[in-house]
Amino acid sequence: MKWTDSRDIAIELADRFPEIDPKTIRFTELMEWVLALDDFDDEPNRCGEKILEAIQAAWIDEV
């Protein structure tokens, strides 16, 4: 997965962290969690606030 795969990332995060309310997560934590996903393979410096917002919104939709 790459940063642009926000829906796939959101699904993985929802599966991995079912107890977390995605509305309450800080972007610094979100970035760390995405980077730690097994299927994630992209450069940390390619991430920005808009990408994290898209991942968070997709995660909210997922739950």
PDB file of N, CA and C in Angstrom:
ATOM      1  N   MET A   1       0.838  -1.186   0.000  1.00  0.00           N
ATOM      2  CA  MET A   1       0.000   0.000   0.000  1.00  0.00           C
ATOM      3  C   MET A   1       0.878   1.244   0.000  1.00  0.00           C
ATOM      4  N   LYS A   2       0.341   2.274  -0.597  1.00  0.00           N
ATOM      5  CA  LYS A   2       0.988   3.585  -0.633  1.00  0.00           C
ATOM      6  C   LYS A   2       0.076   4.583   0.087  1.00  0.00           C
ATOM      7  N   TRP A   3       0.595   5.781   0.315  1.00  0.00           N
ATOM      8  CA  TRP A   3      -0.177   6.818   1.001  1.00  0.00           C
ATOM      9  C   TRP A   3      -1.490   7.112   0.287  1.00  0.00           C
ATOM     10  N   THR A   4      -1.523   6.951  -1.011  1.00  0.00           N
ATOM     11  CA  THR A   4      -2.725   7.262  -1.777  1.00  0.00           C
ATOM     12  C   THR A   4      -3.811   6.199  -1.641  1.00  0.00           C
ATOM     13  N   ASP A   5      -3.517   5.086  -1.026  1.00  0.00           N
ATOM     14  CA  ASP A   5      -4.486   4.000  -0.839  1.00  0.00           C
ATOM     15  C   ASP A   5      -5.264   4.187   0.467  1.00  0.00           C
ATOM     16  N   SER A   6      -5.892   5.346   0.614  1.00  0.00           N
ATOM     17  CA  SER A   6      -6.511   5.696   1.891  1.00  0.00           C
ATOM     18  C   SER A   6      -7.599   4.706   2.312  1.00  0.00           C
ATOM     19  N   ARG A   7      -8.408   4.223   1.387  1.00  0.00           N
ATOM     20  CA  ARG A   7      -9.478   3.274   1.736  1.00  0.00           C
ATOM     21  C   ARG A   7      -8.883   1.962   2.246  1.00  0.00           C
ATOM     22  N   ASP A   8      -7.889   1.434   1.555  1.00  0.00           N
ATOM     23  CA  ASP A   8      -7.248   0.182   1.985  1.00  0.00           C
ATOM     24  C   ASP A   8      -6.562   0.339   3.339  1.00  0.00           C
ATOM     25  N   ILE A   9      -5.909   1.472   3.528  1.00  0.00           N
ATOM     26  CA  ILE A   9      -5.253   1.751   4.810  1.00  0.00           C
ATOM     27  C   ILE A   9      -6.300   1.818   5.923  1.00  0.00           C
ATOM     28  N   ALA A  10      -7.413   2.492   5.652  1.00  0.00           N
ATOM     29  CA  ALA A  10      -8.478   2.628   6.655  1.00  0.00           C
ATOM     30  C   ALA A  10      -9.031   1.264   7.049  1.00  0.00           C
ATOM     31  N   ILE A  11      -9.216   0.379   6.086  1.00  0.00           N
ATOM     32  CA  ILE A  11      -9.718  -0.967   6.375  1.00  0.00           C
ATOM     33  C   ILE A  11      -8.740  -1.718   7.269  1.00  0.00           C
ATOM     34  N   GLU A  12      -7.459  -1.637   6.942  1.00  0.00           N
ATOM     35  CA  GLU A  12      -6.427  -2.295   7.760  1.00  0.00           C
ATOM     36  C   GLU A  12      -6.417  -1.739   9.182  1.00  0.00           C
ATOM     37  N   LEU A  13      -6.506  -0.419   9.311  1.00  0.00           N
ATOM     38  CA  LEU A  13      -6.484   0.204  10.638  1.00  0.00           C
ATOM     39  C   LEU A  13      -7.721  -0.183  11.442  1.00  0.00           C
ATOM     40  N   ALA A  14      -8.877  -0.214  10.796  1.00  0.00           N
ATOM     41  CA  ALA A  14     -10.113  -0.598  11.488  1.00  0.00           C
ATOM     42  C   ALA A  14     -10.028  -2.041  11.985  1.00  0.00           C
ATOM     43  N   ASP A  15      -9.418  -2.905  11.195  1.00  0.00           N
ATOM     44  CA  ASP A  15      -9.238  -4.301  11.614  1.00  0.00           C
ATOM     45  C   ASP A  15      -8.229  -4.427  12.744  1.00  0.00           C
ATOM     46  N   ARG A  16      -7.173  -3.654  12.653  1.00  0.00           N
ATOM     47  CA  ARG A  16      -6.081  -3.757  13.629  1.00  0.00           C
ATOM     48  C   ARG A  16      -6.402  -3.072  14.959  1.00  0.00           C
ATOM     49  N   PHE A  17      -7.177  -1.993  14.897  1.00  0.00           N
ATOM     50  CA  PHE A  17      -7.488  -1.207  16.094  1.00  0.00           C
ATOM     51  C   PHE A  17      -8.996  -1.037  16.259  1.00  0.00           C
ATOM     52  N   PRO A  18      -9.730  -2.121  16.486  1.00  0.00           N
ATOM     53  CA  PRO A  18     -11.198  -2.013  16.560  1.00  0.00           C
ATOM     54  C   PRO A  18     -11.697  -1.184  17.744  1.00  0.00           C
ATOM     55  N   GLU A  19     -10.876  -1.034  18.767  1.00  0.00           N
ATOM     56  CA  GLU A  19     -11.287  -0.291  19.963  1.00  0.00           C
ATOM     57  C   GLU A  19     -11.053   1.211  19.842  1.00  0.00           C
ATOM     58  N   ILE A  20     -10.400   1.664  18.778  1.00  0.00           N
ATOM     59  CA  ILE A  20     -10.048   3.074  18.614  1.00  0.00           C
ATOM     60  C   ILE A  20     -11.145   3.814  17.858  1.00  0.00           C
ATOM     61  N   ASP A  21     -11.511   4.983  18.373  1.00  0.00           N
ATOM     62  CA  ASP A  21     -12.418   5.880  17.663  1.00  0.00           C
ATOM     63  C   ASP A  21     -11.551   6.755  16.762  1.00  0.00           C
ATOM     64  N   PRO A  22     -11.645   6.598  15.445  1.00  0.00           N
ATOM     65  CA  PRO A  22     -10.751   7.347  14.553  1.00  0.00           C
ATOM     66  C   PRO A  22     -10.924   8.859  14.623  1.00  0.00           C
ATOM     67  N   LYS A  23     -12.018   9.334  15.201  1.00  0.00           N
ATOM     68  CA  LYS A  23     -12.209  10.783  15.338  1.00  0.00           C
ATOM     69  C   LYS A  23     -11.298  11.371  16.410  1.00  0.00           C
ATOM     70  N   THR A  24     -10.767  10.529  17.284  1.00  0.00           N
ATOM     71  CA  THR A  24      -9.972  11.022  18.408  1.00  0.00           C
ATOM     72  C   THR A  24      -8.464  10.875  18.208  1.00  0.00           C
ATOM     73  N   ILE A  25      -8.051  10.284  17.111  1.00  0.00           N
ATOM     74  CA  ILE A  25      -6.624  10.015  16.926  1.00  0.00           C
ATOM     75  C   ILE A  25      -5.880  11.264  16.437  1.00  0.00           C
ATOM     76  N   ARG A  26      -4.672  11.425  16.943  1.00  0.00           N
ATOM     77  CA  ARG A  26      -3.812  12.524  16.489  1.00  0.00           C
ATOM     78  C   ARG A  26      -3.112  12.086  15.200  1.00  0.00           C
ATOM     79  N   PHE A  27      -2.831  13.044  14.332  1.00  0.00           N
ATOM     80  CA  PHE A  27      -2.188  12.714  13.064  1.00  0.00           C
ATOM     81  C   PHE A  27      -0.801  12.112  13.249  1.00  0.00           C
ATOM     82  N   THR A  28      -0.096  12.489  14.307  1.00  0.00           N
ATOM     83  CA  THR A  28       1.222  11.900  14.543  1.00  0.00           C
ATOM     84  C   THR A  28       1.092  10.406  14.829  1.00  0.00           C
ATOM     85  N   GLU A  29       0.083  10.034  15.613  1.00  0.00           N
ATOM     86  CA  GLU A  29      -0.167   8.617  15.887  1.00  0.00           C
ATOM     87  C   GLU A  29      -0.620   7.889  14.633  1.00  0.00           C
ATOM     88  N   LEU A  30      -1.509   8.519  13.896  1.00  0.00           N
ATOM     89  CA  LEU A  30      -2.032   7.909  12.685  1.00  0.00           C
ATOM     90  C   LEU A  30      -0.898   7.599  11.712  1.00  0.00           C
ATOM     91  N   MET A  31      -0.005   8.525  11.542  1.00  0.00           N
ATOM     92  CA  MET A  31       1.124   8.315  10.641  1.00  0.00           C
ATOM     93  C   MET A  31       1.986   7.142  11.113  1.00  0.00           C
ATOM     94  N   GLU A  32       2.271   7.078  12.390  1.00  0.00           N
ATOM     95  CA  GLU A  32       3.072   5.979  12.939  1.00  0.00           C
ATOM     96  C   GLU A  32       2.384   4.636  12.714  1.00  0.00           C
ATOM     97  N   TRP A  33       1.080   4.591  12.924  1.00  0.00           N
ATOM     98  CA  TRP A  33       0.337   3.338  12.768  1.00  0.00           C
ATOM     99  C   TRP A  33       0.318   2.891  11.319  1.00  0.00           C
ATOM    100  N   VAL A  34       0.166   3.849  10.402  1.00  0.00           N
ATOM    101  CA  VAL A  34       0.176   3.501   8.976  1.00  0.00           C
ATOM    102  C   VAL A  34       1.545   2.951   8.588  1.00  0.00           C
ATOM    103  N   LEU A  35       2.590   3.619   9.021  1.00  0.00           N
ATOM    104  CA  LEU A  35       3.947   3.167   8.697  1.00  0.00           C
ATOM    105  C   LEU A  35       4.228   1.770   9.249  1.00  0.00           C
ATOM    106  N   ALA A  36       3.566   1.391  10.322  1.00  0.00           N
ATOM    107  CA  ALA A  36       3.789   0.091  10.958  1.00  0.00           C
ATOM    108  C   ALA A  36       2.971  -1.037  10.321  1.00  0.00           C
ATOM    109  N   LEU A  37       2.042  -0.717   9.428  1.00  0.00           N
ATOM    110  CA  LEU A  37       1.244  -1.757   8.789  1.00  0.00           C
ATOM    111  C   LEU A  37       2.133  -2.653   7.930  1.00  0.00           C
ATOM    112  N   ASP A  38       1.897  -3.946   7.992  1.00  0.00           N
ATOM    113  CA  ASP A  38       2.726  -4.916   7.259  1.00  0.00           C
ATOM    114  C   ASP A  38       2.722  -4.680   5.757  1.00  0.00           C
ATOM    115  N   ASP A  39       1.578  -4.343   5.204  1.00  0.00           N
ATOM    116  CA  ASP A  39       1.461  -4.188   3.755  1.00  0.00           C
ATOM    117  C   ASP A  39       1.802  -2.785   3.257  1.00  0.00           C
ATOM    118  N   PHE A  40       2.178  -1.903   4.162  1.00  0.00           N
ATOM    119  CA  PHE A  40       2.473  -0.532   3.763  1.00  0.00           C
ATOM    120  C   PHE A  40       3.906  -0.416   3.293  1.00  0.00           C
ATOM    121  N   ASP A  41       4.088   0.216   2.132  1.00  0.00           N
ATOM    122  CA  ASP A  41       5.430   0.368   1.566  1.00  0.00           C
ATOM    123  C   ASP A  41       5.524   1.698   0.819  1.00  0.00           C
ATOM    124  N   ASP A  42       5.752   2.751   1.562  1.00  0.00           N
ATOM    125  CA  ASP A  42       5.921   4.068   0.959  1.00  0.00           C
ATOM    126  C   ASP A  42       6.825   4.897   1.871  1.00  0.00           C
ATOM    127  N   GLU A  43       7.294   5.985   1.348  1.00  0.00           N
ATOM    128  CA  GLU A  43       8.212   6.853   2.084  1.00  0.00           C
ATOM    129  C   GLU A  43       7.442   7.753   3.060  1.00  0.00           C
ATOM    130  N   PRO A  44       7.925   7.875   4.295  1.00  0.00           N
ATOM    131  CA  PRO A  44       7.256   8.738   5.275  1.00  0.00           C
ATOM    132  C   PRO A  44       7.138  10.186   4.813  1.00  0.00           C
ATOM    133  N   ASN A  45       8.126  10.667   4.067  1.00  0.00           N
ATOM    134  CA  ASN A  45       8.113  12.077   3.657  1.00  0.00           C
ATOM    135  C   ASN A  45       7.105  12.374   2.551  1.00  0.00           C
ATOM    136  N   ARG A  46       6.446  11.359   2.019  1.00  0.00           N
ATOM    137  CA  ARG A  46       5.401  11.566   1.013  1.00  0.00           C
ATOM    138  C   ARG A  46       4.043  11.851   1.652  1.00  0.00           C
ATOM    139  N   CYS A  47       3.991  11.786   2.947  1.00  0.00           N
ATOM    140  CA  CYS A  47       2.742  11.982   3.673  1.00  0.00           C
ATOM    141  C   CYS A  47       2.575  13.448   4.055  1.00  0.00           C
ATOM    142  N   GLY A  48       1.331  13.903   3.987  1.00  0.00           N
ATOM    143  CA  GLY A  48       1.006  15.258   4.403  1.00  0.00           C
ATOM    144  C   GLY A  48      -0.328  15.268   5.125  1.00  0.00           C
ATOM    145  N   GLU A  49      -0.717  16.438   5.576  1.00  0.00           N
ATOM    146  CA  GLU A  49      -1.953  16.563   6.342  1.00  0.00           C
ATOM    147  C   GLU A  49      -3.181  16.129   5.535  1.00  0.00           C
ATOM    148  N   LYS A  50      -3.224  16.468   4.258  1.00  0.00           N
ATOM    149  CA  LYS A  50      -4.376  16.086   3.436  1.00  0.00           C
ATOM    150  C   LYS A  50      -4.489  14.573   3.296  1.00  0.00           C
ATOM    151  N   ILE A  51      -3.377  13.905   3.180  1.00  0.00           N
ATOM    152  CA  ILE A  51      -3.394  12.444   3.085  1.00  0.00           C
ATOM    153  C   ILE A  51      -3.894  11.840   4.388  1.00  0.00           C
ATOM    154  N   LEU A  52      -3.409  12.340   5.507  1.00  0.00           N
ATOM    155  CA  LEU A  52      -3.858  11.833   6.806  1.00  0.00           C
ATOM    156  C   LEU A  52      -5.338  12.115   7.026  1.00  0.00           C
ATOM    157  N   GLU A  53      -5.806  13.280   6.584  1.00  0.00           N
ATOM    158  CA  GLU A  53      -7.235  13.592   6.677  1.00  0.00           C
ATOM    159  C   GLU A  53      -8.060  12.602   5.851  1.00  0.00           C
ATOM    160  N   ALA A  54      -7.583  12.257   4.669  1.00  0.00           N
ATOM    161  CA  ALA A  54      -8.295  11.310   3.809  1.00  0.00           C
ATOM    162  C   ALA A  54      -8.344   9.925   4.448  1.00  0.00           C
ATOM    163  N   ILE A  55      -7.236   9.513   5.057  1.00  0.00           N
ATOM    164  CA  ILE A  55      -7.196   8.201   5.735  1.00  0.00           C
ATOM    165  C   ILE A  55      -8.156   8.215   6.918  1.00  0.00           C
ATOM    166  N   GLN A  56      -8.118   9.281   7.706  1.00  0.00           N
ATOM    167  CA  GLN A  56      -9.002   9.385   8.862  1.00  0.00           C
ATOM    168  C   GLN A  56     -10.473   9.374   8.435  1.00  0.00           C
ATOM    169  N   ALA A  57     -10.813  10.106   7.393  1.00  0.00           N
ATOM    170  CA  ALA A  57     -12.190  10.144   6.916  1.00  0.00           C
ATOM    171  C   ALA A  57     -12.639   8.762   6.425  1.00  0.00           C
ATOM    172  N   ALA A  58     -11.765   8.067   5.716  1.00  0.00           N
ATOM    173  CA  ALA A  58     -12.099   6.721   5.247  1.00  0.00           C
ATOM    174  C   ALA A  58     -12.266   5.768   6.408  1.00  0.00           C
ATOM    175  N   TRP A  59     -11.445   5.911   7.441  1.00  0.00           N
ATOM    176  CA  TRP A  59     -11.546   5.076   8.640  1.00  0.00           C
ATOM    177  C   TRP A  59     -12.881   5.340   9.355  1.00  0.00           C
ATOM    178  N   ILE A  60     -13.242   6.595   9.468  1.00  0.00           N
ATOM    179  CA  ILE A  60     -14.525   6.951  10.097  1.00  0.00           C
ATOM    180  C   ILE A  60     -15.669   6.310   9.320  1.00  0.00           C
ATOM    181  N   ASP A  61     -15.613   6.380   8.005  1.00  0.00           N
ATOM    182  CA  ASP A  61     -16.637   5.750   7.160  1.00  0.00           C
ATOM    183  C   ASP A  61     -16.661   4.238   7.366  1.00  0.00           C
ATOM    184  N   GLU A  62     -15.497   3.658   7.555  1.00  0.00           N
ATOM    185  CA  GLU A  62     -15.390   2.208   7.698  1.00  0.00           C
ATOM    186  C   GLU A  62     -16.059   1.719   8.980  1.00  0.00           C
ATOM    187  N   VAL A  63     -15.906   2.496  10.063  1.00  0.00           N
ATOM    188  CA  VAL A  63     -16.538   2.073  11.325  1.00  0.00           C
ATOM    189  C   VAL A  63     -17.917   2.664  11.429  1.00  0.00           C
TER     190      VAL A  63
END
